[in-house]
């Protein structure tokens, strides 16, 4: 996705997803998605190994595991839980009016049989998190946040002064060129 227009601001979504992660659904490190096709079943089973959970708890646990960098949707988690239940890898139990999923012995055996795949998935997650929030990224993320805040604050205050708003654009364009030079 290139040059998307959001409230009058153009940006490259692909770059945006690679740079930061808070609240983003598909950030990528080194061009790879968080999860490949079929990975979610392993991830959910591994989470359920620790304790039984309902769907929302699974979503929150996965978000915490990724330090907020990945927030699964109900459209990803609930169908996977249903599939796992249909396959006998988890069992849904009603606890205090909530459907709670418990890993079965077959689910534990399935995880053990696919231990290599599960480890690969979690190694990839750890690598991506380190890439997104590891050194030196926290400093870069904080600096970007401060710049964005100041740009919006200044633009708002100068909304009636087209000349000064244009100067903000020029400063940002110059910074972009300098960053591109550094990265080449």
C-alpha atoms as a PDB file:
ATOM      1  CA  UNK A   1       0.000   0.000   0.000  1.00  0.00           C
ATOM      2  CA  UNK A   2       1.598   3.213  -1.083  1.00  0.00           C
ATOM      3  CA  UNK A   3       0.812   6.871  -0.510  1.00  0.00           C
ATOM      4  CA  UNK A   4      -2.321   6.462   1.559  1.00  0.00           C
ATOM      5  CA  UNK A   5      -4.253   9.562   2.435  1.00  0.00           C
ATOM      6  CA  UNK A   6      -5.257   9.775   6.094  1.00  0.00           C
ATOM      7  CA  UNK A   7      -6.806  13.057   7.233  1.00  0.00           C
ATOM      8  CA  UNK A   8      -4.899  14.785   4.473  1.00  0.00           C
ATOM      9  CA  UNK A   9      -1.546  13.188   5.392  1.00  0.00           C
ATOM     10  CA  UNK A  10       0.092  10.825   2.943  1.00  0.00           C
ATOM     11  CA  UNK A  11       2.197   7.971   4.257  1.00  0.00           C
ATOM     12  CA  UNK A  12       3.447   4.578   3.177  1.00  0.00           C
ATOM     13  CA  UNK A  13       1.589   1.920   5.179  1.00  0.00           C
ATOM     14  CA  UNK A  14       4.186  -0.750   4.447  1.00  0.00           C
ATOM     15  CA  UNK A  15       6.903   1.408   6.011  1.00  0.00           C
ATOM     16  CA  UNK A  16       4.612   2.398   8.886  1.00  0.00           C
ATOM     17  CA  UNK A  17       4.003  -1.243   9.796  1.00  0.00           C
ATOM     18  CA  UNK A  18       7.743  -1.948   9.732  1.00  0.00           C
ATOM     19  CA  UNK A  19       8.653   1.036  11.941  1.00  0.00           C
ATOM     20  CA  UNK A  20       6.390   0.942  14.972  1.00  0.00           C
ATOM     21  CA  UNK A  21       4.041  -1.469  16.557  1.00  0.00           C
ATOM     22  CA  UNK A  22       1.763  -0.061  19.250  1.00  0.00           C
ATOM     23  CA  UNK A  23      -1.785  -0.870  18.250  1.00  0.00           C
ATOM     24  CA  UNK A  24      -0.860  -2.115  14.781  1.00  0.00           C
ATOM     25  CA  UNK A  25      -2.218  -5.411  13.540  1.00  0.00           C
ATOM     26  CA  UNK A  26       0.430  -6.354  10.967  1.00  0.00           C
ATOM     27  CA  UNK A  27       3.821  -4.956  11.818  1.00  0.00           C
ATOM     28  CA  UNK A  28       6.622  -6.753  10.055  1.00  0.00           C
ATOM     29  CA  UNK A  29      10.263  -7.293  10.705  1.00  0.00           C
ATOM     30  CA  UNK A  30      12.448  -8.055   7.733  1.00  0.00           C
ATOM     31  CA  UNK A  31       9.356  -8.291   5.528  1.00  0.00           C
ATOM     32  CA  UNK A  32       7.823 -11.298   7.311  1.00  0.00           C
ATOM     33  CA  UNK A  33       4.291 -11.435   8.718  1.00  0.00           C
ATOM     34  CA  UNK A  34       3.740 -12.243  12.377  1.00  0.00           C
ATOM     35  CA  UNK A  35       2.185 -15.601  11.665  1.00  0.00           C
ATOM     36  CA  UNK A  36       2.148 -17.864   8.658  1.00  0.00           C
ATOM     37  CA  UNK A  37      -0.853 -19.824   7.500  1.00  0.00           C
ATOM     38  CA  UNK A  38      -1.784 -22.335  10.196  1.00  0.00           C
ATOM     39  CA  UNK A  39       0.540 -20.924  12.873  1.00  0.00           C
ATOM     40  CA  UNK A  40      -2.247 -19.617  15.089  1.00  0.00           C
ATOM     41  CA  UNK A  41      -3.344 -23.113  16.158  1.00  0.00           C
ATOM     42  CA  UNK A  42       0.109 -23.766  17.612  1.00  0.00           C
ATOM     43  CA  UNK A  43       0.248 -20.369  19.296  1.00  0.00           C
ATOM     44  CA  UNK A  44      -3.150 -20.756  20.947  1.00  0.00           C
ATOM     45  CA  UNK A  45      -2.436 -24.311  22.065  1.00  0.00           C
ATOM     46  CA  UNK A  46       0.825 -23.204  23.630  1.00  0.00           C
ATOM     47  CA  UNK A  47      -0.974 -20.398  25.479  1.00  0.00           C
ATOM     48  CA  UNK A  48      -3.625 -22.837  26.718  1.00  0.00           C
ATOM     49  CA  UNK A  49      -0.890 -25.130  28.027  1.00  0.00           C
ATOM     50  CA  UNK A  50      -0.305 -22.621  30.829  1.00  0.00           C
ATOM     51  CA  UNK A  51      -3.940 -22.252  31.852  1.00  0.00           C
ATOM     52  CA  UNK A  52      -7.483 -22.554  30.513  1.00  0.00           C
ATOM     53  CA  UNK A  53      -8.746 -19.317  28.962  1.00  0.00           C
ATOM     54  CA  UNK A  54     -11.743 -17.861  27.207  1.00  0.00           C
ATOM     55  CA  UNK A  55     -11.315 -16.236  23.799  1.00  0.00           C
ATOM     56  CA  UNK A  56     -10.750 -12.703  25.044  1.00  0.00           C
ATOM     57  CA  UNK A  57      -8.087 -13.935  27.488  1.00  0.00           C
ATOM     58  CA  UNK A  58      -6.331 -15.679  24.594  1.00  0.00           C
ATOM     59  CA  UNK A  59      -6.324 -12.407  22.631  1.00  0.00           C
ATOM     60  CA  UNK A  60      -4.958 -10.446  25.615  1.00  0.00           C
ATOM     61  CA  UNK A  61      -2.314 -13.104  26.393  1.00  0.00           C
ATOM     62  CA  UNK A  62      -1.087 -13.016  22.806  1.00  0.00           C
ATOM     63  CA  UNK A  63      -0.978  -9.225  22.825  1.00  0.00           C
ATOM     64  CA  UNK A  64       1.037  -9.328  26.066  1.00  0.00           C
ATOM     65  CA  UNK A  65       3.367 -12.013  24.665  1.00  0.00           C
ATOM     66  CA  UNK A  66       4.165  -9.674  21.753  1.00  0.00           C
ATOM     67  CA  UNK A  67       4.541  -6.623  24.027  1.00  0.00           C
ATOM     68  CA  UNK A  68       1.520  -5.003  22.399  1.00  0.00           C
ATOM     69  CA  UNK A  69       2.980  -5.306  18.902  1.00  0.00           C
ATOM     70  CA  UNK A  70       0.341  -7.747  17.663  1.00  0.00           C
ATOM     71  CA  UNK A  71      -3.318  -7.615  18.602  1.00  0.00           C
ATOM     72  CA  UNK A  72      -5.211 -10.597  17.208  1.00  0.00           C
ATOM     73  CA  UNK A  73      -8.740 -10.060  16.022  1.00  0.00           C
ATOM     74  CA  UNK A  74     -11.729 -12.084  17.215  1.00  0.00           C
ATOM     75  CA  UNK A  75     -12.036 -13.206  13.572  1.00  0.00           C
ATOM     76  CA  UNK A  76      -8.674 -14.935  13.931  1.00  0.00           C
ATOM     77  CA  UNK A  77      -8.913 -16.323  17.460  1.00  0.00           C
ATOM     78  CA  UNK A  78     -12.478 -17.635  17.706  1.00  0.00           C
ATOM     79  CA  UNK A  79     -12.492 -19.669  14.468  1.00  0.00           C
ATOM     80  CA  UNK A  80      -9.149 -21.170  15.475  1.00  0.00           C
ATOM     81  CA  UNK A  81     -10.510 -22.081  18.904  1.00  0.00           C
ATOM     82  CA  UNK A  82     -13.540 -23.675  17.226  1.00  0.00           C
ATOM     83  CA  UNK A  83     -11.266 -25.649  14.874  1.00  0.00           C
ATOM     84  CA  UNK A  84      -9.136 -26.817  17.813  1.00  0.00           C
ATOM     85  CA  UNK A  85     -12.308 -27.893  19.635  1.00  0.00           C
ATOM     86  CA  UNK A  86     -13.622 -29.719  16.542  1.00  0.00           C
ATOM     87  CA  UNK A  87     -10.292 -31.564  16.245  1.00  0.00           C
ATOM     88  CA  UNK A  88     -10.366 -32.561  19.924  1.00  0.00           C
ATOM     89  CA  UNK A  89      -7.215 -30.595  20.743  1.00  0.00           C
ATOM     90  CA  UNK A  90      -9.074 -28.376  23.208  1.00  0.00           C
ATOM     91  CA  UNK A  91     -12.328 -28.793  25.072  1.00  0.00           C
ATOM     92  CA  UNK A  92     -14.767 -25.934  25.608  1.00  0.00           C
ATOM     93  CA  UNK A  93     -16.233 -25.797  29.101  1.00  0.00           C
ATOM     94  CA  UNK A  94     -18.856 -23.443  30.474  1.00  0.00           C
ATOM     95  CA  UNK A  95     -17.461 -21.670  33.540  1.00  0.00           C
ATOM     96  CA  UNK A  96     -19.495 -18.934  35.163  1.00  0.00           C
ATOM     97  CA  UNK A  97     -21.317 -18.236  31.911  1.00  0.00           C
ATOM     98  CA  UNK A  98     -18.162 -18.067  29.798  1.00  0.00           C
ATOM     99  CA  UNK A  99     -16.847 -20.588  27.303  1.00  0.00           C
ATOM    100  CA  UNK A 100     -13.384 -21.503  28.575  1.00  0.00           C
ATOM    101  CA  UNK A 101     -11.010 -23.591  26.488  1.00  0.00           C
ATOM    102  CA  UNK A 102      -8.886 -26.301  28.099  1.00  0.00           C
ATOM    103  CA  UNK A 103      -6.106 -28.121  26.246  1.00  0.00           C
ATOM    104  CA  UNK A 104      -6.703 -31.873  26.003  1.00  0.00           C
ATOM    105  CA  UNK A 105      -4.194 -34.706  26.146  1.00  0.00           C
ATOM    106  CA  UNK A 106      -4.498 -34.897  22.344  1.00  0.00           C
ATOM    107  CA  UNK A 107      -3.659 -31.182  22.200  1.00  0.00           C
ATOM    108  CA  UNK A 108      -0.567 -31.692  24.352  1.00  0.00           C
ATOM    109  CA  UNK A 109       0.505 -34.602  22.148  1.00  0.00           C
ATOM    110  CA  UNK A 110      -0.092 -32.478  19.017  1.00  0.00           C
ATOM    111  CA  UNK A 111       2.150 -29.739  20.456  1.00  0.00           C
ATOM    112  CA  UNK A 112       4.849 -32.268  21.289  1.00  0.00           C
ATOM    113  CA  UNK A 113       4.694 -33.800  17.798  1.00  0.00           C
ATOM    114  CA  UNK A 114       5.026 -30.310  16.289  1.00  0.00           C
ATOM    115  CA  UNK A 115       7.545 -29.008  18.822  1.00  0.00           C
ATOM    116  CA  UNK A 116       9.973 -27.837  16.125  1.00  0.00           C
ATOM    117  CA  UNK A 117       7.286 -25.790  14.335  1.00  0.00           C
ATOM    118  CA  UNK A 118       6.100 -24.262  17.605  1.00  0.00           C
ATOM    119  CA  UNK A 119       9.647 -23.302  18.612  1.00  0.00           C
ATOM    120  CA  UNK A 120      10.265 -21.775  15.164  1.00  0.00           C
ATOM    121  CA  UNK A 121       7.116 -19.645  15.470  1.00  0.00           C
ATOM    122  CA  UNK A 122       8.042 -18.339  18.926  1.00  0.00           C
ATOM    123  CA  UNK A 123      11.676 -17.758  17.894  1.00  0.00           C
ATOM    124  CA  UNK A 124      10.374 -15.678  14.966  1.00  0.00           C
ATOM    125  CA  UNK A 125       8.095 -13.712  17.320  1.00  0.00           C
ATOM    126  CA  UNK A 126      11.000 -13.026  19.691  1.00  0.00           C
ATOM    127  CA  UNK A 127      13.185 -11.903  16.769  1.00  0.00           C
ATOM    128  CA  UNK A 128      10.480  -9.573  15.451  1.00  0.00           C
ATOM    129  CA  UNK A 129       9.855  -8.037  18.875  1.00  0.00           C
ATOM    130  CA  UNK A 130      13.572  -7.507  19.361  1.00  0.00           C
ATOM    131  CA  UNK A 131      13.727  -5.909  15.913  1.00  0.00           C
ATOM    132  CA  UNK A 132      10.812  -3.583  16.705  1.00  0.00           C
ATOM    133  CA  UNK A 133      11.482  -2.606  20.299  1.00  0.00           C
ATOM    134  CA  UNK A 134      15.032  -3.731  21.027  1.00  0.00           C
ATOM    135  CA  UNK A 135      18.012  -1.383  21.130  1.00  0.00           C
ATOM    136  CA  UNK A 136      18.170   1.192  19.564  1.00  0.00           C
ATOM    137  CA  UNK A 137      14.476   1.231  18.585  1.00  0.00           C
ATOM    138  CA  UNK A 138      13.016   2.614  21.846  1.00  0.00           C
ATOM    139  CA  UNK A 139      15.093   5.788  21.423  1.00  0.00           C
ATOM    140  CA  UNK A 140      14.087   6.056  17.759  1.00  0.00           C
ATOM    141  CA  UNK A 141      10.410   5.440  18.583  1.00  0.00           C
ATOM    142  CA  UNK A 142      10.440   8.101  21.327  1.00  0.00           C
ATOM    143  CA  UNK A 143      12.131  10.613  19.000  1.00  0.00           C
ATOM    144  CA  UNK A 144       9.608   9.926  16.227  1.00  0.00           C
ATOM    145  CA  UNK A 145       6.777  10.380  18.714  1.00  0.00           C
ATOM    146  CA  UNK A 146       8.151  13.711  19.898  1.00  0.00           C
ATOM    147  CA  UNK A 147       8.619  14.944  16.314  1.00  0.00           C
ATOM    148  CA  UNK A 148       5.108  13.888  15.271  1.00  0.00           C
ATOM    149  CA  UNK A 149       3.584  15.536  18.353  1.00  0.00           C
ATOM    150  CA  UNK A 150       5.440  18.768  17.704  1.00  0.00           C
ATOM    151  CA  UNK A 151       4.522  18.764  13.994  1.00  0.00           C
ATOM    152  CA  UNK A 152       0.817  18.392  14.792  1.00  0.00           C
ATOM    153  CA  UNK A 153       0.952  20.903  17.623  1.00  0.00           C
ATOM    154  CA  UNK A 154       2.778  23.507  15.485  1.00  0.00           C
ATOM    155  CA  UNK A 155       0.593  22.875  12.443  1.00  0.00           C
ATOM    156  CA  UNK A 156      -2.528  23.338  14.520  1.00  0.00           C
ATOM    157  CA  UNK A 157      -1.286  26.594  16.003  1.00  0.00           C
ATOM    158  CA  UNK A 158      -0.206  27.833  12.564  1.00  0.00           C
ATOM    159  CA  UNK A 159      -3.318  26.702  10.712  1.00  0.00           C
ATOM    160  CA  UNK A 160      -4.011  30.269   9.529  1.00  0.00           C
ATOM    161  CA  UNK A 161      -0.408  30.972   8.506  1.00  0.00           C
ATOM    162  CA  UNK A 162       0.135  29.154   5.202  1.00  0.00           C
ATOM    163  CA  UNK A 163       3.716  30.388   4.884  1.00  0.00           C
ATOM    164  CA  UNK A 164       4.831  28.932   8.228  1.00  0.00           C
ATOM    165  CA  UNK A 165       2.912  25.692   7.603  1.00  0.00           C
ATOM    166  CA  UNK A 166       4.783  25.380   4.321  1.00  0.00           C
ATOM    167  CA  UNK A 167       8.049  25.855   6.239  1.00  0.00           C
ATOM    168  CA  UNK A 168       7.076  22.852   8.426  1.00  0.00           C
ATOM    169  CA  UNK A 169       6.622  20.793   5.258  1.00  0.00           C
ATOM    170  CA  UNK A 170      10.035  21.903   4.000  1.00  0.00           C
ATOM    171  CA  UNK A 171      11.726  21.005   7.292  1.00  0.00           C
ATOM    172  CA  UNK A 172      10.133  17.541   7.180  1.00  0.00           C
ATOM    173  CA  UNK A 173      11.098  17.035   3.525  1.00  0.00           C
ATOM    174  CA  UNK A 174      14.707  18.018   4.344  1.00  0.00           C
ATOM    175  CA  UNK A 175      14.742  15.594   7.280  1.00  0.00           C
ATOM    176  CA  UNK A 176      13.376  12.838   5.037  1.00  0.00           C
ATOM    177  CA  UNK A 177      16.114  13.406   2.464  1.00  0.00           C
ATOM    178  CA  UNK A 178      18.789  13.365   5.155  1.00  0.00           C
ATOM    179  CA  UNK A 179      17.429  10.120   6.610  1.00  0.00           C
ATOM    180  CA  UNK A 180      17.335   8.527   3.166  1.00  0.00           C
ATOM    181  CA  UNK A 181      20.969   9.546   2.661  1.00  0.00           C
ATOM    182  CA  UNK A 182      21.928   7.985   6.001  1.00  0.00           C
ATOM    183  CA  UNK A 183      20.182   4.730   5.129  1.00  0.00           C
ATOM    184  CA  UNK A 184      21.782   4.367   1.699  1.00  0.00           C
END
